[in-house]
């Protein structure tokens, strides 16, 4: 590992206030990112919003190229949106579904996504089927292959689920999607920023992500990747004068790039923060980040495993920076509040957020401790000591 952790923590003022193991919720902002946002807002306050955006246009535009570089895409395949949910919904509802079309998804699918499958099922009569897990708990690519038929319109998978520590085999799924020429939508909300993403290797047609989690960007930022291969086949559920041009009394023309999924108004200060956050990742190197995150998460699991009454609930052949566990006789909220009293941040995964997965494992909830590269072994030791006291 070659990351300078002391420097990175010195550039993260939150590290002096809290032990932050809630990076899967929202990471601590690095000072260069925070300062870039504040500077932009101050410039808006002094000179005006439109005027500042005009002056900083080249920097704002560069954000598309930076994100494209991070995920191995082209800048015209990137749309900037306010969060991952908005990005995912724009992709999902741009597909022309008909009655009888089939969506294949994962056991660990996130609630927001699955609710939209059910919503579309109610409206149009589509079919939703769940791909079984393999023996490790990840989505079974072989089972998926056997489920493919002419009625499958979309494979939609959460890459890194919110609640169980695994990384789904996105590339194996992508090979099957390409073989059968069906749409492939990847929810990468928890993976961009901690895991090396290459959309060409994965083979996904669409990918949604948020800024606030492992990318360390401000809240209210996110992006959508859409492959040029399918851009013309997707029809955004709504348009405005940014995504389309009004060309005649009864005519309009939709943009030909991924920005047809955007709308005119945007959080420009947030985009500047997203710009700096992606630059920060690229400067550090995503493979170094992933190595560090895996090291810390593995240490965390091993420390938790030996505590009496504690059960680590993570699954999968490949595990990420999300560490989930339960404690006999203690609710997740009891544990979260106890740790909060010592300025240790964690979150809770409830059954309703990943219903199928939690039901299959007879879990109502779990404590979620999610590490990032700026966390330390000493912080994990402190966490374990406090949990032992409880």
Protein backbone atom coordinates (compact mmCIF):
# COMPACT_ATOMS: atom_id res chain seq x y z
CA UNK A 1 0.00 0.00 0.00
CA UNK A 2 1.47 3.33 -1.02
CA UNK A 3 -1.22 5.78 0.09
CA UNK A 4 0.00 8.45 2.49
CA UNK A 5 -2.69 7.94 5.12
CA UNK A 6 -1.37 10.66 7.46
CA UNK A 7 -1.58 13.24 4.68
CA UNK A 8 -5.03 12.07 3.62
CA UNK A 9 -6.30 12.31 7.20
CA UNK A 10 -4.77 15.74 7.59
CA UNK A 11 -6.73 16.77 4.50
CA UNK A 12 -9.93 15.41 6.07
CA UNK A 13 -10.88 17.65 8.98
CA UNK A 14 -13.67 15.29 10.03
CA UNK A 15 -11.03 12.78 11.15
CA UNK A 16 -10.25 15.05 14.12
CA UNK A 17 -13.89 15.00 15.24
CA UNK A 18 -15.24 11.50 14.61
CA UNK A 19 -14.34 7.92 13.83
CA UNK A 20 -16.28 7.65 10.63
CA UNK A 21 -17.43 4.15 9.68
CA UNK A 22 -20.44 5.37 7.69
CA UNK A 23 -18.79 5.83 4.31
CA UNK A 24 -21.48 3.73 2.61
CA UNK A 25 -23.89 6.44 3.79
CA UNK A 26 -21.80 9.53 3.11
CA UNK A 27 -18.02 9.85 3.29
CA UNK A 28 -16.22 12.71 4.98
CA UNK A 29 -15.32 15.47 2.52
CA UNK A 30 -11.65 16.06 1.87
CA UNK A 31 -10.60 19.66 2.44
CA UNK A 32 -9.74 20.36 -1.24
CA UNK A 33 -13.26 19.26 -2.20
CA UNK A 34 -14.92 21.28 0.55
CA UNK A 35 -12.88 24.36 -0.25
CA UNK A 36 -13.71 24.14 -3.96
CA UNK A 37 -17.45 24.09 -3.18
CA UNK A 38 -17.23 27.00 -0.75
CA UNK A 39 -15.14 29.04 -3.17
CA UNK A 40 -17.70 28.50 -5.93
CA UNK A 41 -20.62 29.50 -3.68
CA UNK A 42 -18.76 32.62 -2.57
CA UNK A 43 -18.18 33.54 -6.19
CA UNK A 44 -21.88 33.05 -6.93
CA UNK A 45 -22.76 35.26 -3.97
CA UNK A 46 -20.49 38.02 -5.23
CA UNK A 47 -21.07 37.89 -8.98
CA UNK A 48 -24.29 35.95 -9.63
CA UNK A 49 -25.19 32.36 -10.44
CA UNK A 50 -25.44 32.62 -14.22
CA UNK A 51 -22.33 34.77 -14.44
CA UNK A 52 -20.25 32.42 -12.30
CA UNK A 53 -21.37 29.40 -14.30
CA UNK A 54 -20.38 31.19 -17.49
CA UNK A 55 -16.96 32.11 -16.13
CA UNK A 56 -16.32 28.57 -14.82
CA UNK A 57 -17.85 26.77 -17.81
CA UNK A 58 -14.67 24.97 -18.86
CA UNK A 59 -14.15 23.60 -15.34
CA UNK A 60 -17.75 22.46 -15.12
CA UNK A 61 -17.50 20.82 -18.53
CA UNK A 62 -14.31 19.02 -17.52
CA UNK A 63 -16.32 17.02 -14.97
CA UNK A 64 -17.73 14.84 -17.75
CA UNK A 65 -14.28 13.90 -19.00
CA UNK A 66 -13.01 13.19 -15.48
CA UNK A 67 -15.87 10.81 -14.74
CA UNK A 68 -15.41 9.17 -18.12
CA UNK A 69 -11.73 8.65 -17.32
CA UNK A 70 -12.61 7.08 -13.96
CA UNK A 71 -14.94 4.46 -15.46
CA UNK A 72 -13.33 4.07 -18.92
CA UNK A 73 -16.11 5.72 -20.90
CA UNK A 74 -16.45 8.68 -23.27
CA UNK A 75 -17.51 12.09 -21.99
CA UNK A 76 -20.58 12.10 -24.25
CA UNK A 77 -21.77 8.95 -22.44
CA UNK A 78 -21.99 10.79 -19.09
CA UNK A 79 -24.96 12.70 -17.67
CA UNK A 80 -24.78 14.63 -14.40
CA UNK A 81 -27.76 14.26 -12.08
CA UNK A 82 -28.62 15.15 -8.52
CA UNK A 83 -28.28 11.65 -7.07
CA UNK A 84 -28.04 7.97 -7.94
CA UNK A 85 -31.80 7.42 -7.64
CA UNK A 86 -32.53 10.12 -10.22
CA UNK A 87 -29.84 8.66 -12.50
CA UNK A 88 -31.14 5.10 -12.14
CA UNK A 89 -34.76 6.16 -12.70
CA UNK A 90 -33.89 8.14 -15.82
CA UNK A 91 -32.22 5.06 -17.28
CA UNK A 92 -34.90 2.60 -16.20
CA UNK A 93 -37.90 4.60 -17.39
CA UNK A 94 -36.20 5.38 -20.71
CA UNK A 95 -36.61 1.76 -21.79
CA UNK A 96 -39.74 1.00 -23.81
CA UNK A 97 -41.29 -1.90 -21.91
CA UNK A 98 -44.33 -3.85 -23.06
CA UNK A 99 -46.61 -6.32 -21.34
CA UNK A 100 -44.82 -9.63 -20.91
CA UNK A 101 -41.32 -8.17 -21.00
CA UNK A 102 -39.15 -9.67 -18.30
CA UNK A 103 -36.75 -8.01 -15.83
CA UNK A 104 -34.15 -10.20 -14.14
CA UNK A 105 -32.70 -8.89 -10.89
CA UNK A 106 -30.77 -10.00 -7.81
CA UNK A 107 -31.73 -11.28 -4.37
CA UNK A 108 -29.78 -8.37 -2.88
CA UNK A 109 -31.55 -5.74 -4.96
CA UNK A 110 -32.03 -2.36 -3.30
CA UNK A 111 -35.55 -1.32 -2.26
CA UNK A 112 -35.76 1.79 -4.46
CA UNK A 113 -35.00 -0.27 -7.56
CA UNK A 114 -37.34 -3.13 -6.73
CA UNK A 115 -40.20 -0.76 -5.90
CA UNK A 116 -39.87 0.64 -9.42
CA UNK A 117 -39.99 -2.86 -10.90
CA UNK A 118 -43.25 -3.40 -9.04
CA UNK A 119 -44.53 0.01 -10.09
CA UNK A 120 -43.88 -0.78 -13.75
CA UNK A 121 -45.37 -4.25 -13.32
CA UNK A 122 -48.59 -2.66 -12.05
CA UNK A 123 -48.68 -0.21 -14.96
CA UNK A 124 -47.62 -2.32 -17.91
CA UNK A 125 -47.75 -5.99 -16.92
CA UNK A 126 -44.04 -6.71 -17.08
CA UNK A 127 -42.64 -9.78 -15.33
CA UNK A 128 -40.04 -9.57 -12.54
CA UNK A 129 -37.89 -12.60 -11.77
CA UNK A 130 -35.12 -12.94 -9.19
CA UNK A 131 -31.83 -14.62 -10.08
CA UNK A 132 -30.80 -17.09 -7.34
CA UNK A 133 -27.60 -16.68 -5.36
CA UNK A 134 -24.71 -19.12 -5.60
CA UNK A 135 -23.28 -20.87 -2.56
CA UNK A 136 -21.28 -17.75 -1.58
CA UNK A 137 -24.35 -15.51 -1.54
CA UNK A 138 -23.60 -13.54 -4.71
CA UNK A 139 -25.77 -13.51 -7.85
CA UNK A 140 -25.35 -16.82 -9.65
CA UNK A 141 -24.25 -16.13 -13.24
CA UNK A 142 -24.87 -19.74 -14.29
CA UNK A 143 -28.44 -19.56 -13.00
CA UNK A 144 -28.89 -16.28 -14.86
CA UNK A 145 -27.74 -17.90 -18.09
CA UNK A 146 -30.36 -20.63 -17.68
CA UNK A 147 -33.10 -18.01 -17.11
CA UNK A 148 -32.46 -16.16 -20.37
CA UNK A 149 -35.17 -16.36 -23.02
CA UNK A 150 -36.73 -14.11 -25.66
CA UNK A 151 -38.96 -12.34 -23.12
CA UNK A 152 -36.01 -10.92 -21.11
CA UNK A 153 -35.77 -7.18 -21.80
CA UNK A 154 -33.49 -6.06 -18.95
CA UNK A 155 -30.94 -7.43 -16.49
CA UNK A 156 -30.80 -4.99 -13.59
CA UNK A 157 -28.32 -5.63 -10.78
CA UNK A 158 -27.04 -3.83 -7.71
CA UNK A 159 -23.26 -4.16 -8.00
CA UNK A 160 -22.44 -3.74 -4.31
CA UNK A 161 -25.54 -4.22 -2.14
CA UNK A 162 -26.21 -1.88 0.76
CA UNK A 163 -26.27 -4.50 3.47
CA UNK A 164 -24.11 -7.60 3.05
CA UNK A 165 -20.54 -6.77 2.09
CA UNK A 166 -20.41 -8.59 -1.23
CA UNK A 167 -19.44 -7.54 -4.76
CA UNK A 168 -21.70 -9.08 -7.39
CA UNK A 169 -19.97 -10.60 -10.47
CA UNK A 170 -20.80 -7.70 -12.80
CA UNK A 171 -18.48 -8.80 -15.62
CA UNK A 172 -19.87 -12.35 -15.75
CA UNK A 173 -23.38 -10.91 -15.89
CA UNK A 174 -22.31 -8.51 -18.63
CA UNK A 175 -21.10 -11.36 -20.84
CA UNK A 176 -24.51 -12.99 -20.61
CA UNK A 177 -26.30 -9.71 -21.35
CA UNK A 178 -24.19 -9.15 -24.47
CA UNK A 179 -24.61 -12.74 -25.64
CA UNK A 180 -28.40 -12.37 -25.55
CA UNK A 181 -28.45 -8.68 -26.62
CA UNK A 182 -30.56 -7.43 -23.70
CA UNK A 183 -30.26 -4.18 -21.77
CA UNK A 184 -28.00 -4.28 -18.71
CA UNK A 185 -28.42 -1.67 -15.96
CA UNK A 186 -25.88 -1.63 -13.12
CA UNK A 187 -26.55 0.20 -9.86
CA UNK A 188 -23.02 1.22 -8.85
CA UNK A 189 -24.09 3.51 -6.02
CA UNK A 190 -21.79 1.81 -3.51
CA UNK A 191 -18.98 0.78 -5.84
CA UNK A 192 -17.75 3.90 -7.68
CA UNK A 193 -14.98 5.36 -5.53
CA UNK A 194 -13.96 2.20 -3.70
CA UNK A 195 -13.90 -0.39 -6.52
CA UNK A 196 -12.21 -0.16 -9.94
CA UNK A 197 -15.01 0.31 -12.50
CA UNK A 198 -14.44 -0.30 -16.20
CA UNK A 199 -17.73 -0.14 -18.09
CA UNK A 200 -16.20 -1.73 -21.17
CA UNK A 201 -15.01 -4.78 -19.20
CA UNK A 202 -18.28 -4.99 -17.30
CA UNK A 203 -20.30 -4.68 -20.49
CA UNK A 204 -23.14 -2.71 -18.91
CA UNK A 205 -25.31 -0.45 -21.04
CA UNK A 206 -26.18 1.89 -18.17
CA UNK A 207 -24.59 2.62 -14.82
CA UNK A 208 -25.83 4.91 -12.03
CA UNK A 209 -23.76 6.36 -9.19
CA UNK A 210 -23.86 8.89 -6.39
CA UNK A 211 -21.24 11.39 -5.30
CA UNK A 212 -21.77 11.34 -1.54
CA UNK A 213 -20.63 7.81 -0.76
CA UNK A 214 -17.22 6.42 -1.72
CA UNK A 215 -16.50 9.21 -4.19
CA UNK A 216 -16.37 11.70 -1.27
CA UNK A 217 -18.27 14.35 -3.24
CA UNK A 218 -20.98 16.62 -1.79
CA UNK A 219 -24.51 15.37 -1.26
CA UNK A 220 -26.87 16.13 -4.12
CA UNK A 221 -24.48 14.95 -6.84
CA UNK A 222 -24.42 11.87 -9.03
CA UNK A 223 -24.07 10.66 -12.59
CA UNK A 224 -25.42 8.27 -15.19
CA UNK A 225 -23.39 6.42 -17.79
CA UNK A 226 -25.19 5.32 -20.96
CA UNK A 227 -23.31 3.48 -23.71
CA UNK A 228 -23.35 5.13 -27.13
CA UNK A 229 -24.37 1.74 -28.45
CA UNK A 230 -27.88 2.14 -27.06
CA UNK A 231 -28.38 5.91 -26.69
CA UNK A 232 -30.79 6.08 -29.63
CA UNK A 233 -32.86 3.20 -28.22
CA UNK A 234 -33.63 5.02 -24.95
CA UNK A 235 -36.34 7.66 -24.60
CA UNK A 236 -36.13 9.84 -21.45
CA UNK A 237 -39.39 9.95 -19.47
CA UNK A 238 -39.34 13.74 -19.49
CA UNK A 239 -37.57 16.47 -21.42
CA UNK A 240 -36.84 20.17 -21.13
CA UNK A 241 -35.05 22.85 -23.13
CA UNK A 242 -31.68 21.41 -22.10
CA UNK A 243 -32.30 17.79 -23.09
CA UNK A 244 -34.15 18.78 -26.26
CA UNK A 245 -34.47 21.77 -28.61
CA UNK A 246 -37.81 23.26 -29.65
CA UNK A 247 -37.42 23.59 -33.42
CA UNK A 248 -40.95 24.38 -34.63
CA UNK A 249 -44.52 24.77 -33.48
CA UNK A 250 -45.01 21.01 -33.54
CA UNK A 251 -41.40 19.83 -33.54
CA UNK A 252 -38.49 19.24 -31.17
CA UNK A 253 -35.15 17.44 -31.39
CA UNK A 254 -33.71 15.42 -28.54
CA UNK A 255 -29.98 15.59 -27.84
CA UNK A 256 -27.90 12.77 -29.24
CA UNK A 257 -25.56 12.41 -26.24
CA UNK A 258 -26.14 11.25 -22.66
CA UNK A 259 -27.05 14.76 -21.56
CA UNK A 260 -30.53 14.10 -22.89
CA UNK A 261 -31.07 12.54 -19.44
CA UNK A 262 -30.24 15.80 -17.65
CA UNK A 263 -32.41 18.85 -17.02
CA UNK A 264 -31.47 22.49 -17.25
CA UNK A 265 -31.12 23.39 -13.57
CA UNK A 266 -28.18 21.92 -11.67
CA UNK A 267 -26.21 22.31 -8.44
CA UNK A 268 -23.12 23.89 -9.98
CA UNK A 269 -21.25 24.19 -6.70
CA UNK A 270 -21.92 20.48 -6.19
CA UNK A 271 -20.66 19.70 -9.69
CA UNK A 272 -17.43 21.55 -8.89
CA UNK A 273 -17.18 19.41 -5.75
CA UNK A 274 -17.80 16.27 -7.81
CA UNK A 275 -15.10 17.43 -10.22
CA UNK A 276 -12.58 17.77 -7.38
CA UNK A 277 -13.66 14.46 -5.84
CA UNK A 278 -13.07 12.55 -9.08
CA UNK A 279 -9.72 14.29 -9.54
CA UNK A 280 -8.83 13.27 -5.98
CA UNK A 281 -9.61 9.61 -6.75
CA UNK A 282 -7.65 9.69 -10.01
CA UNK A 283 -4.65 11.25 -8.28
CA UNK A 284 -4.63 8.58 -5.57
CA UNK A 285 -5.34 5.67 -7.91
CA UNK A 286 -8.51 3.61 -7.61
CA UNK A 287 -6.58 0.32 -7.40
CA UNK A 288 -4.66 1.60 -4.37
CA UNK A 289 -7.93 2.74 -2.81
CA UNK A 290 -9.52 -0.67 -3.39
CA UNK A 291 -6.52 -2.48 -1.92
CA UNK A 292 -6.63 -0.30 1.21
CA UNK A 293 -10.41 -0.67 1.64
CA UNK A 294 -10.22 -4.47 1.35
CA UNK A 295 -7.38 -4.61 3.87
CA UNK A 296 -9.28 -2.55 6.45
CA UNK A 297 -12.57 -4.36 5.94
CA UNK A 298 -10.92 -7.77 6.24
CA UNK A 299 -9.22 -6.68 9.47
CA UNK A 300 -12.55 -5.39 10.77
CA UNK A 301 -14.31 -8.69 10.06
CA UNK A 302 -11.57 -10.73 11.72
CA UNK A 303 -11.69 -8.56 14.84
CA UNK A 304 -15.48 -8.79 15.03
CA UNK A 305 -15.48 -12.53 14.43
CA UNK A 306 -13.77 -13.30 17.74
CA UNK A 307 -16.10 -11.18 19.91
CA UNK A 308 -18.61 -13.26 21.93
CA UNK A 309 -22.18 -12.80 20.77
CA UNK A 310 -21.19 -10.96 17.58
CA UNK A 311 -22.04 -12.41 14.16
CA UNK A 312 -20.57 -10.98 10.96
CA UNK A 313 -23.28 -11.09 8.29
CA UNK A 314 -21.26 -10.50 5.11
CA UNK A 315 -21.51 -12.70 2.02
CA UNK A 316 -19.81 -13.21 -1.34
CA UNK A 317 -16.60 -14.44 -2.90
CA UNK A 318 -15.30 -10.86 -3.15
CA UNK A 319 -16.02 -8.57 -0.22
CA UNK A 320 -15.94 -4.78 -0.11
CA UNK A 321 -15.65 -2.00 2.45
CA UNK A 322 -19.13 -2.59 3.89
CA UNK A 323 -19.00 -4.67 7.09
CA UNK A 324 -22.29 -5.81 8.62
CA UNK A 325 -22.89 -7.56 11.92
CA UNK A 326 -25.42 -8.29 14.65
CA UNK A 327 -25.01 -8.63 18.43
CA UNK A 328 -27.04 -11.08 20.47
CA UNK A 329 -29.52 -9.34 22.76
CA UNK A 330 -28.86 -5.86 21.34
CA UNK A 331 -30.78 -3.95 18.71
CA UNK A 332 -28.90 -2.25 15.92
CA UNK A 333 -30.18 1.12 17.14
CA UNK A 334 -28.83 0.42 20.67
CA UNK A 335 -25.41 -0.24 19.19
CA UNK A 336 -25.53 2.76 16.84
CA UNK A 337 -26.51 5.11 19.66
CA UNK A 338 -23.93 3.67 22.08
CA UNK A 339 -21.12 4.16 19.56
CA UNK A 340 -22.44 7.62 18.64
CA UNK A 341 -21.91 8.66 22.28
CA UNK A 342 -18.19 8.11 21.64
CA UNK A 343 -18.19 9.92 18.27
CA UNK A 344 -18.10 6.68 16.31
CA UNK A 345 -20.37 6.76 13.26
CA UNK A 346 -22.12 3.67 11.89
CA UNK A 347 -25.48 3.11 10.24
CA UNK A 348 -28.22 0.48 10.24
CA UNK A 349 -29.43 -1.78 7.44
CA UNK A 350 -33.08 -2.73 7.89
CA UNK A 351 -35.09 -5.52 6.30
CA UNK A 352 -37.07 -3.07 4.16
CA UNK A 353 -33.96 -1.81 2.35
CA UNK A 354 -33.09 -5.24 0.91
CA UNK A 355 -36.18 -7.28 1.69
CA UNK A 356 -35.47 -10.43 -0.31
CA UNK A 357 -31.93 -10.86 1.00
CA UNK A 358 -32.80 -10.13 4.62
CA UNK A 359 -35.84 -12.44 4.54
CA UNK A 360 -33.80 -15.25 3.05
CA UNK A 361 -31.35 -14.97 5.95
CA UNK A 362 -34.03 -14.39 8.60
CA UNK A 363 -32.55 -11.00 9.51
CA UNK A 364 -34.54 -7.99 10.63
CA UNK A 365 -31.60 -5.58 10.74
CA UNK A 366 -27.83 -5.33 10.97
CA UNK A 367 -25.27 -2.75 12.04
CA UNK A 368 -23.33 -1.45 9.03
CA UNK A 369 -19.76 -0.24 9.54
CA UNK A 370 -18.26 0.90 6.24
CA UNK A 371 -14.58 1.74 5.93
CA UNK A 372 -12.72 3.99 3.53
CA UNK A 373 -9.03 4.41 2.82
CA UNK A 374 -8.59 7.23 5.36
CA UNK A 375 -9.71 4.99 8.23
CA UNK A 376 -6.98 3.34 10.29
CA UNK A 377 -6.20 0.14 12.13
CA UNK A 378 -6.22 2.15 15.37
CA UNK A 379 -9.77 3.31 14.71
CA UNK A 380 -10.85 -0.30 14.21
CA UNK A 381 -9.16 -1.29 17.47
CA UNK A 382 -10.97 1.54 19.26
CA UNK A 383 -14.26 0.44 17.75
CA UNK A 384 -13.73 -3.16 18.88
CA UNK A 385 -12.82 -2.01 22.40
CA UNK A 386 -16.00 0.05 22.75
CA UNK A 387 -18.18 -2.72 21.31
CA UNK A 388 -16.60 -5.14 23.81
CA UNK A 389 -17.56 -2.79 26.66
CA UNK A 390 -21.15 -2.78 25.46
